C-alpha atoms as a PDB file:
ATOM      1  CA  MET A   1       0.000   0.000   0.000  1.00  0.00           C
ATOM      2  CA  THR A   2       1.325   3.425  -0.888  1.00  0.00           C
ATOM      3  CA  ALA A   3       1.160   6.439   1.396  1.00  0.00           C
ATOM      4  CA  ALA A   4      -1.048   8.356  -1.019  1.00  0.00           C
ATOM      5  CA  SER A   5      -3.685   7.155  -3.436  1.00  0.00           C
ATOM      6  CA  HIS A   6      -3.133   9.618  -6.242  1.00  0.00           C
ATOM      7  CA  VAL A   7      -1.761  13.020  -7.217  1.00  0.00           C
ATOM      8  CA  ILE A   8      -3.912  16.034  -8.164  1.00  0.00           C
ATOM      9  CA  THR A   9      -3.686  19.774  -8.801  1.00  0.00           C
ATOM     10  CA  ALA A  10      -5.684  22.386  -6.874  1.00  0.00           C
ATOM     11  CA  ALA A  11      -7.005  25.746  -8.041  1.00  0.00           C
ATOM     12  CA  ASN A  12      -9.242  28.452  -6.603  1.00  0.00           C
ATOM     13  CA  GLU A  13     -12.622  27.988  -8.321  1.00  0.00           C
ATOM     14  CA  ARG A  14     -13.472  31.702  -8.308  1.00  0.00           C
ATOM     15  CA  THR A  15     -10.135  33.187  -9.434  1.00  0.00           C
ATOM     16  CA  GLN A  16      -8.657  30.112 -11.178  1.00  0.00           C
ATOM     17  CA  LEU A  17      -5.428  30.798  -9.260  1.00  0.00           C
ATOM     18  CA  LEU A  18      -3.348  27.618  -9.169  1.00  0.00           C
ATOM     19  CA  LEU A  19      -2.723  26.634  -5.531  1.00  0.00           C
ATOM     20  CA  ALA A  20      -0.677  23.471  -6.031  1.00  0.00           C
ATOM     21  CA  THR A  21       0.515  21.448  -8.999  1.00  0.00           C
ATOM     22  CA  HIS A  22       1.454  18.264  -7.165  1.00  0.00           C
ATOM     23  CA  LEU A  23      -0.798  17.320  -4.230  1.00  0.00           C
ATOM     24  CA  ARG A  24      -0.584  13.788  -2.914  1.00  0.00           C
ATOM     25  CA  VAL A  25      -4.004  12.736  -1.663  1.00  0.00           C
ATOM     26  CA  ALA A  26      -4.130  10.901   1.674  1.00  0.00           C
ATOM     27  CA  ASP A  27      -7.660   9.529   1.727  1.00  0.00           C
ATOM     28  CA  ASN A  28      -7.383   6.426   3.881  1.00  0.00           C
ATOM     29  CA  MET A  29      -6.480   5.884   7.522  1.00  0.00           C
ATOM     30  CA  ILE A  30      -2.932   4.638   6.896  1.00  0.00           C
ATOM     31  CA  SER A  31      -1.952   7.410   4.482  1.00  0.00           C
ATOM     32  CA  ARG A  32      -3.435  10.109   6.765  1.00  0.00           C
ATOM     33  CA  MET A  33      -1.590   8.684   9.801  1.00  0.00           C
ATOM     34  CA  ARG A  34       1.718   8.638   7.913  1.00  0.00           C
ATOM     35  CA  GLY A  35       1.230  12.078   6.414  1.00  0.00           C
ATOM     36  CA  LEU A  36       4.597  13.549   5.432  1.00  0.00           C
ATOM     37  CA  LEU A  37       6.703  11.518   7.876  1.00  0.00           C
ATOM     38  CA  GLY A  38       9.682  10.010   6.117  1.00  0.00           C
ATOM     39  CA  TYR A  39       9.353  12.241   3.066  1.00  0.00           C
ATOM     40  CA  PRO A  40      11.716  15.074   2.160  1.00  0.00           C
ATOM     41  CA  GLU A  41      10.494  18.651   2.510  1.00  0.00           C
ATOM     42  CA  PRO A  42       7.893  19.325  -0.208  1.00  0.00           C
ATOM     43  CA  HIS A  43       8.888  21.619  -3.055  1.00  0.00           C
ATOM     44  CA  PRO A  44       6.928  24.838  -3.680  1.00  0.00           C
ATOM     45  CA  GLY A  45       3.634  23.953  -5.366  1.00  0.00           C
ATOM     46  CA  SER A  46       3.457  20.498  -3.805  1.00  0.00           C
ATOM     47  CA  GLY A  47       2.013  19.064  -0.624  1.00  0.00           C
ATOM     48  CA  LEU A  48      -0.397  16.645   0.987  1.00  0.00           C
ATOM     49  CA  LEU A  49      -4.179  16.840   0.909  1.00  0.00           C
ATOM     50  CA  LEU A  50      -5.727  15.053   3.913  1.00  0.00           C
ATOM     51  CA  VAL A  51      -9.293  13.858   3.238  1.00  0.00           C
ATOM     52  CA  PRO A  52     -11.074  14.021   5.682  1.00  0.00           C
ATOM     53  CA  CYS A  53      -9.041  16.076   8.125  1.00  0.00           C
ATOM     54  CA  ASN A  54      -9.966  17.138  11.652  1.00  0.00           C
ATOM     55  CA  GLY A  55      -6.537  18.455  12.644  1.00  0.00           C
ATOM     56  CA  VAL A  56      -2.862  18.604  11.752  1.00  0.00           C
ATOM     57  CA  HIS A  57       0.280  18.427  13.896  1.00  0.00           C
ATOM     58  CA  MET A  58       3.949  18.834  13.026  1.00  0.00           C
ATOM     59  CA  PHE A  59       5.389  16.651  15.813  1.00  0.00           C
ATOM     60  CA  GLY A  60       8.541  14.887  14.655  1.00  0.00           C
ATOM     61  CA  MET A  61       8.851  16.847  11.433  1.00  0.00           C
ATOM     62  CA  GLY A  62      12.243  18.211  10.455  1.00  0.00           C
ATOM     63  CA  TYR A  63      10.682  21.241   8.772  1.00  0.00           C
ATOM     64  CA  VAL A  64       7.779  23.612   9.303  1.00  0.00           C
ATOM     65  CA  ARG A  65       5.064  24.045   6.716  1.00  0.00           C
ATOM     66  CA  ALA A  66       2.034  26.262   6.437  1.00  0.00           C
ATOM     67  CA  GLY A  67      -1.325  24.662   5.961  1.00  0.00           C
ATOM     68  CA  CYS A  68      -4.739  25.761   4.900  1.00  0.00           C
ATOM     69  CA  ARG A  69      -8.215  24.375   5.196  1.00  0.00           C
ATOM     70  CA  LEU A  70     -10.189  23.877   2.020  1.00  0.00           C
ATOM     71  CA  PRO A  71     -13.998  23.869   2.199  1.00  0.00           C
END
């Protein structure tokens, strides 16, 4: 089993502004629990989309990243 099911892009529906070009989707319990642990720091325009997501922590991460909540 891989840590993410698939890769997508994300854009703002109203402005069409591209938010990310390489989002790994974590849509099962195992991939959400693993998150970004063991992965190198994401490049600009990439990241992890947690579906569903009730909260995020950065415990044990070697880098700090900003996050946002999508409706």
